[in-house]
C-alpha atoms as a PDB file:
ATOM      1  CA  MET A   1     124.721 136.639  82.073  1.00  0.00           C
ATOM      2  CA  THR A   2     121.647 136.271  84.295  1.00  0.00           C
ATOM      3  CA  GLN A   3     121.549 133.683  86.947  1.00  0.00           C
ATOM      4  CA  SER A   4     118.807 131.138  87.350  1.00  0.00           C
ATOM      5  CA  GLN A   5     116.088 131.584  90.013  1.00  0.00           C
ATOM      6  CA  ILE A   6     116.878 129.631  93.236  1.00  0.00           C
ATOM      7  CA  VAL A   7     114.008 127.621  94.739  1.00  0.00           C
ATOM      8  CA  LEU A   8     114.095 125.887  98.117  1.00  0.00           C
ATOM      9  CA  ALA A   9     111.713 122.905  98.024  1.00  0.00           C
ATOM     10  CA  SER A  10     111.028 122.972 101.679  1.00  0.00           C
ATOM     11  CA  THR A  11     108.823 124.581 104.336  1.00  0.00           C
ATOM     12  CA  SER A  12     111.522 124.278 107.061  1.00  0.00           C
ATOM     13  CA  VAL A  13     112.293 127.586 108.791  1.00  0.00           C
ATOM     14  CA  PHE A  14     115.689 126.136 109.652  1.00  0.00           C
ATOM     15  CA  ARG A  15     116.570 125.519 106.010  1.00  0.00           C
ATOM     16  CA  ARG A  16     115.235 128.931 105.101  1.00  0.00           C
ATOM     17  CA  GLU A  17     117.448 130.585 107.667  1.00  0.00           C
ATOM     18  CA  LEU A  18     120.482 128.647 106.476  1.00  0.00           C
ATOM     19  CA  LEU A  19     119.989 129.441 102.791  1.00  0.00           C
ATOM     20  CA  ALA A  20     119.445 133.113 103.683  1.00  0.00           C
ATOM     21  CA  ARG A  21     123.027 133.157 104.990  1.00  0.00           C
ATOM     22  CA  LEU A  22     124.272 133.033 101.392  1.00  0.00           C
ATOM     23  CA  GLY A  23     122.600 136.324 100.683  1.00  0.00           C
ATOM     24  CA  LEU A  24     120.948 135.006  97.534  1.00  0.00           C
ATOM     25  CA  PRO A  25     117.409 135.764  96.509  1.00  0.00           C
ATOM     26  CA  PHE A  26     115.262 132.638  96.639  1.00  0.00           C
ATOM     27  CA  VAL A  27     111.713 131.428  96.980  1.00  0.00           C
ATOM     28  CA  MET A  28     110.344 128.609  99.091  1.00  0.00           C
ATOM     29  CA  THR A  29     107.694 126.135  98.169  1.00  0.00           C
ATOM     30  CA  ASN A  30     106.098 123.095  99.762  1.00  0.00           C
ATOM     31  CA  PRO A  31     107.147 120.013  97.809  1.00  0.00           C
ATOM     32  CA  GLY A  32     104.441 117.852  99.458  1.00  0.00           C
ATOM     33  CA  VAL A  33     106.449 114.668  99.295  1.00  0.00           C
ATOM     34  CA  ASP A  34     105.668 111.578 101.460  1.00  0.00           C
ATOM     35  CA  GLU A  35     108.816 111.145 103.613  1.00  0.00           C
ATOM     36  CA  THR A  36     108.257 107.464 104.359  1.00  0.00           C
ATOM     37  CA  ALA A  37     111.266 105.232 103.833  1.00  0.00           C
ATOM     38  CA  LEU A  38     110.939 102.382 101.333  1.00  0.00           C
ATOM     39  CA  HIS A  39     111.098  98.800 102.567  1.00  0.00           C
ATOM     40  CA  GLY A  40     114.771  97.703 102.800  1.00  0.00           C
ATOM     41  CA  GLU A  41     116.089 101.221 102.034  1.00  0.00           C
ATOM     42  CA  THR A  42     119.116 102.345 103.917  1.00  0.00           C
ATOM     43  CA  PRO A  43     118.822 105.635 105.915  1.00  0.00           C
ATOM     44  CA  GLU A  44     121.399 107.187 103.596  1.00  0.00           C
ATOM     45  CA  ALA A  45     119.494 106.119 100.483  1.00  0.00           C
ATOM     46  CA  THR A  46     116.261 107.481 102.022  1.00  0.00           C
ATOM     47  CA  ALA A  47     117.787 110.901 102.591  1.00  0.00           C
ATOM     48  CA  LEU A  48     119.190 111.079  99.094  1.00  0.00           C
ATOM     49  CA  ARG A  49     116.011 109.841  97.395  1.00  0.00           C
ATOM     50  CA  LEU A  50     113.850 112.200  99.349  1.00  0.00           C
ATOM     51  CA  SER A  51     116.083 115.236  98.664  1.00  0.00           C
ATOM     52  CA  GLU A  52     115.802 114.557  94.937  1.00  0.00           C
ATOM     53  CA  SER A  53     112.043 113.793  95.153  1.00  0.00           C
ATOM     54  CA  LYS A  54     111.421 117.122  96.875  1.00  0.00           C
ATOM     55  CA  ALA A  55     113.340 119.017  94.178  1.00  0.00           C
ATOM     56  CA  ARG A  56     111.620 117.152  91.331  1.00  0.00           C
ATOM     57  CA  ALA A  57     108.151 117.670  92.880  1.00  0.00           C
ATOM     58  CA  VAL A  58     108.209 121.422  92.137  1.00  0.00           C
ATOM     59  CA  VAL A  59     109.775 121.393  88.655  1.00  0.00           C
ATOM     60  CA  ALA A  60     106.455 122.179  86.939  1.00  0.00           C
ATOM     61  CA  GLN A  61     106.056 125.312  89.057  1.00  0.00           C
ATOM     62  CA  TYR A  62     109.642 126.525  88.417  1.00  0.00           C
ATOM     63  CA  PRO A  63     110.715 125.180  85.020  1.00  0.00           C
ATOM     64  CA  GLY A  64     113.736 127.446  84.680  1.00  0.00           C
ATOM     65  CA  ALA A  65     115.052 127.326  88.211  1.00  0.00           C
ATOM     66  CA  LEU A  66     117.805 125.685  90.236  1.00  0.00           C
ATOM     67  CA  ILE A  67     115.867 123.750  92.828  1.00  0.00           C
ATOM     68  CA  ILE A  68     117.252 122.676  96.197  1.00  0.00           C
ATOM     69  CA  GLY A  69     115.918 119.639  98.001  1.00  0.00           C
ATOM     70  CA  SER A  70     117.243 118.372 101.326  1.00  0.00           C
ATOM     71  CA  ASP A  71     116.302 115.638 103.755  1.00  0.00           C
ATOM     72  CA  GLN A  72     117.849 114.338 106.943  1.00  0.00           C
ATOM     73  CA  VAL A  73     117.671 110.967 108.638  1.00  0.00           C
ATOM     74  CA  ALA A  74     119.143 110.166 112.047  1.00  0.00           C
ATOM     75  CA  CYS A  75     120.270 106.597 112.512  1.00  0.00           C
ATOM     76  CA  LEU A  76     121.800 104.555 115.250  1.00  0.00           C
ATOM     77  CA  ASP A  77     122.825 101.052 114.294  1.00  0.00           C
ATOM     78  CA  ALA A  78     119.839  99.898 112.286  1.00  0.00           C
ATOM     79  CA  GLN A  79     117.333 102.165 114.003  1.00  0.00           C
ATOM     80  CA  VAL A  80     116.091 105.302 112.230  1.00  0.00           C
ATOM     81  CA  PHE A  81     114.988 108.356 114.151  1.00  0.00           C
ATOM     82  CA  GLY A  82     112.754 110.770 112.206  1.00  0.00           C
ATOM     83  CA  LYS A  83     110.844 113.770 113.450  1.00  0.00           C
ATOM     84  CA  PRO A  84     109.221 112.615 116.749  1.00  0.00           C
ATOM     85  CA  ASP A  85     106.036 114.746 116.293  1.00  0.00           C
ATOM     86  CA  ASN A  86     105.189 114.525 119.990  1.00  0.00           C
ATOM     87  CA  HIS A  87     106.599 114.491 123.508  1.00  0.00           C
ATOM     88  CA  GLU A  88     106.299 110.724 124.083  1.00  0.00           C
ATOM     89  CA  ASN A  89     108.219 109.824 120.887  1.00  0.00           C
ATOM     90  CA  ALA A  90     110.888 112.465 121.653  1.00  0.00           C
ATOM     91  CA  VAL A  91     111.467 110.986 125.114  1.00  0.00           C
ATOM     92  CA  LYS A  92     111.934 107.513 123.568  1.00  0.00           C
ATOM     93  CA  GLN A  93     114.353 108.820 120.980  1.00  0.00           C
ATOM     94  CA  LEU A  94     116.567 110.628 123.487  1.00  0.00           C
ATOM     95  CA  GLN A  95     116.550 107.748 125.886  1.00  0.00           C
ATOM     96  CA  ALA A  96     117.747 105.456 123.016  1.00  0.00           C
ATOM     97  CA  MET A  97     120.442 107.878 121.941  1.00  0.00           C
ATOM     98  CA  ARG A  98     121.854 108.967 125.292  1.00  0.00           C
ATOM     99  CA  GLY A  99     125.519 108.220 125.618  1.00  0.00           C
ATOM    100  CA  ARG A 100     125.585 106.984 122.021  1.00  0.00           C
ATOM    101  CA  ARG A 101     126.964 108.169 118.678  1.00  0.00           C
ATOM    102  CA  VAL A 102     124.229 108.875 116.102  1.00  0.00           C
ATOM    103  CA  ASN A 103     124.717 109.551 112.302  1.00  0.00           C
ATOM    104  CA  PHE A 104     122.592 112.506 111.137  1.00  0.00           C
ATOM    105  CA  PHE A 105     122.823 111.906 107.390  1.00  0.00           C
ATOM    106  CA  THR A 106     121.677 114.833 105.233  1.00  0.00           C
ATOM    107  CA  GLY A 107     120.824 114.281 101.602  1.00  0.00           C
ATOM    108  CA  LEU A 108     121.188 117.323  99.317  1.00  0.00           C
ATOM    109  CA  CYS A 109     119.958 117.733  95.694  1.00  0.00           C
ATOM    110  CA  LEU A 110     120.489 120.654  93.368  1.00  0.00           C
ATOM    111  CA  LEU A 111     118.240 120.132  90.362  1.00  0.00           C
ATOM    112  CA  ASN A 112     118.553 122.189  87.225  1.00  0.00           C
ATOM    113  CA  ALA A 113     114.931 122.275  86.109  1.00  0.00           C
ATOM    114  CA  LYS A 114     115.898 123.325  82.574  1.00  0.00           C
ATOM    115  CA  THR A 115     118.074 120.336  81.878  1.00  0.00           C
ATOM    116  CA  GLY A 116     116.695 117.836  84.413  1.00  0.00           C
ATOM    117  CA  LYS A 117     120.233 117.222  85.713  1.00  0.00           C
ATOM    118  CA  ALA A 118     120.320 116.452  89.464  1.00  0.00           C
ATOM    119  CA  HIS A 119     123.447 116.817  91.550  1.00  0.00           C
ATOM    120  CA  LEU A 120     123.305 114.720  94.724  1.00  0.00           C
ATOM    121  CA  ARG A 121     125.507 114.858  97.801  1.00  0.00           C
ATOM    122  CA  GLY A 122     125.267 113.033 101.098  1.00  0.00           C
ATOM    123  CA  VAL A 123     126.708 114.679 104.165  1.00  0.00           C
ATOM    124  CA  PRO A 124     127.078 112.667 107.389  1.00  0.00           C
ATOM    125  CA  THR A 125     127.337 114.312 110.824  1.00  0.00           C
ATOM    126  CA  LEU A 126     128.227 112.152 113.722  1.00  0.00           C
ATOM    127  CA  VAL A 127     126.689 113.327 116.998  1.00  0.00           C
ATOM    128  CA  THR A 128     127.562 111.871 120.421  1.00  0.00           C
ATOM    129  CA  PHE A 129     124.812 112.525 122.926  1.00  0.00           C
ATOM    130  CA  ARG A 130     125.434 113.059 126.608  1.00  0.00           C
ATOM    131  CA  ASN A 131     124.396 110.299 128.939  1.00  0.00           C
ATOM    132  CA  LEU A 132     121.228 112.207 130.073  1.00  0.00           C
ATOM    133  CA  SER A 133     119.093 111.206 132.989  1.00  0.00           C
ATOM    134  CA  ASP A 134     115.343 110.868 132.436  1.00  0.00           C
ATOM    135  CA  ASP A 135     114.854 114.129 134.329  1.00  0.00           C
ATOM    136  CA  GLU A 136     117.345 115.961 132.097  1.00  0.00           C
ATOM    137  CA  ILE A 137     115.502 114.605 128.977  1.00  0.00           C
ATOM    138  CA  GLU A 138     112.166 115.796 130.420  1.00  0.00           C
ATOM    139  CA  ASN A 139     113.581 119.276 131.347  1.00  0.00           C
ATOM    140  CA  TYR A 140     115.086 119.629 127.880  1.00  0.00           C
ATOM    141  CA  LEU A 141     111.935 118.636 126.037  1.00  0.00           C
ATOM    142  CA  ARG A 142     109.754 120.865 128.150  1.00  0.00           C
ATOM    143  CA  LYS A 143     111.932 123.881 127.390  1.00  0.00           C
ATOM    144  CA  GLU A 144     112.769 123.271 123.698  1.00  0.00           C
ATOM    145  CA  GLN A 145     109.892 121.093 122.287  1.00  0.00           C
ATOM    146  CA  PRO A 146     111.956 119.891 119.340  1.00  0.00           C
ATOM    147  CA  TYR A 147     109.151 117.676 117.938  1.00  0.00           C
ATOM    148  CA  ASN A 148     109.771 118.712 114.297  1.00  0.00           C
ATOM    149  CA  CYS A 149     113.492 117.798 114.326  1.00  0.00           C
ATOM    150  CA  ALA A 150     114.946 114.446 113.426  1.00  0.00           C
ATOM    151  CA  GLY A 151     116.508 113.004 116.558  1.00  0.00           C
ATOM    152  CA  SER A 152     114.605 115.338 118.922  1.00  0.00           C
ATOM    153  CA  ALA A 153     117.412 117.902 119.340  1.00  0.00           C
ATOM    154  CA  LYS A 154     117.854 121.372 117.859  1.00  0.00           C
ATOM    155  CA  THR A 155     121.549 122.298 118.037  1.00  0.00           C
ATOM    156  CA  GLU A 156     120.822 125.858 117.098  1.00  0.00           C
ATOM    157  CA  GLY A 157     119.068 126.142 120.466  1.00  0.00           C
ATOM    158  CA  LEU A 158     119.187 124.463 123.875  1.00  0.00           C
ATOM    159  CA  GLY A 159     119.740 121.120 122.113  1.00  0.00           C
ATOM    160  CA  ILE A 160     123.436 121.844 122.132  1.00  0.00           C
ATOM    161  CA  ALA A 161     123.347 121.041 125.875  1.00  0.00           C
ATOM    162  CA  VAL A 162     122.284 117.450 125.200  1.00  0.00           C
ATOM    163  CA  ILE A 163     125.272 116.882 122.916  1.00  0.00           C
ATOM    164  CA  ALA A 164     128.781 115.881 123.968  1.00  0.00           C
ATOM    165  CA  LYS A 165     130.515 115.941 120.534  1.00  0.00           C
ATOM    166  CA  ILE A 166     129.798 116.787 116.849  1.00  0.00           C
ATOM    167  CA  GLU A 167     131.931 115.404 114.057  1.00  0.00           C
ATOM    168  CA  GLY A 168     131.452 116.479 110.425  1.00  0.00           C
ATOM    169  CA  ASP A 169     132.625 118.562 107.502  1.00  0.00           C
ATOM    170  CA  ASP A 170     129.772 121.125 107.494  1.00  0.00           C
ATOM    171  CA  PRO A 171     128.247 122.523 110.639  1.00  0.00           C
ATOM    172  CA  ASN A 172     125.134 123.527 108.740  1.00  0.00           C
ATOM    173  CA  ALA A 173     124.379 119.953 107.682  1.00  0.00           C
ATOM    174  CA  LEU A 174     123.237 119.049 111.192  1.00  0.00           C
ATOM    175  CA  ILE A 175     120.647 121.879 111.057  1.00  0.00           C
ATOM    176  CA  GLY A 176     119.349 120.488 107.781  1.00  0.00           C
ATOM    177  CA  LEU A 177     121.069 122.206 104.822  1.00  0.00           C
ATOM    178  CA  PRO A 178     124.771 121.600 104.120  1.00  0.00           C
ATOM    179  CA  LEU A 179     125.845 124.979 102.745  1.00  0.00           C
ATOM    180  CA  ILE A 180     129.441 123.962 101.963  1.00  0.00           C
ATOM    181  CA  ALA A 181     128.175 121.161  99.638  1.00  0.00           C
ATOM    182  CA  LEU A 182     125.497 123.436  98.255  1.00  0.00           C
ATOM    183  CA  CYS A 183     128.089 126.050  97.197  1.00  0.00           C
ATOM    184  CA  ASP A 184     129.973 123.212  95.437  1.00  0.00           C
ATOM    185  CA  LEU A 185     126.871 122.125  93.636  1.00  0.00           C
ATOM    186  CA  LEU A 186     125.872 125.713  92.636  1.00  0.00           C
ATOM    187  CA  LYS A 187     129.370 126.130  91.185  1.00  0.00           C
ATOM    188  CA  LYS A 188     128.832 122.998  89.050  1.00  0.00           C
ATOM    189  CA  GLU A 189     125.848 124.815  87.604  1.00  0.00           C
ATOM    190  CA  ASN A 190     127.915 127.964  86.933  1.00  0.00           C
ATOM    191  CA  PHE A 191     125.941 129.826  89.595  1.00  0.00           C
ATOM    192  CA  SER A 192     128.057 132.439  91.360  1.00  0.00           C
ATOM    193  CA  VAL A 193     127.547 132.665  95.148  1.00  0.00           C
ATOM    194  CA  ILE A 194     130.185 135.421  95.592  1.00  0.00           C
END
């Protein structure tokens, strides 16, 4: 039996590196999805909707594939922290999160393009940030420049120094692609990882 082609509907180098850990051949493509939250949508619902939207956006290009979409939203109380895009926004995010516990909620979708069936999974990761001084925030941002990461911290780099504690079921979820959940979803599609 031949296995379906795997497609990662993302341009994230972090997600590419994570998926490569499974040793499966895959292709990447840009889903070109607007990542704006809908009015009144919870952060969790946003992440799940966007993960499915990203997968569905590339079905026409890969009609026989298993397509992976993923999205992450960082939230603290009712405030959502997306990608800061610049230094000033990153400073504001880290100041708001210092000493606090933030939910980095990762939405995952595995879409069977042949059948149209989408498997969705939400994976929360609770991150407690150190109570950083303004100087520590500035020093971190000058060194790491994590402007393309939700919550302004890259745990696979120096960002681990701004974090006091991580709680979650999948260490990969915080980086952007929950591999444990992905293996479960691939199994549901009779796709063998090992």
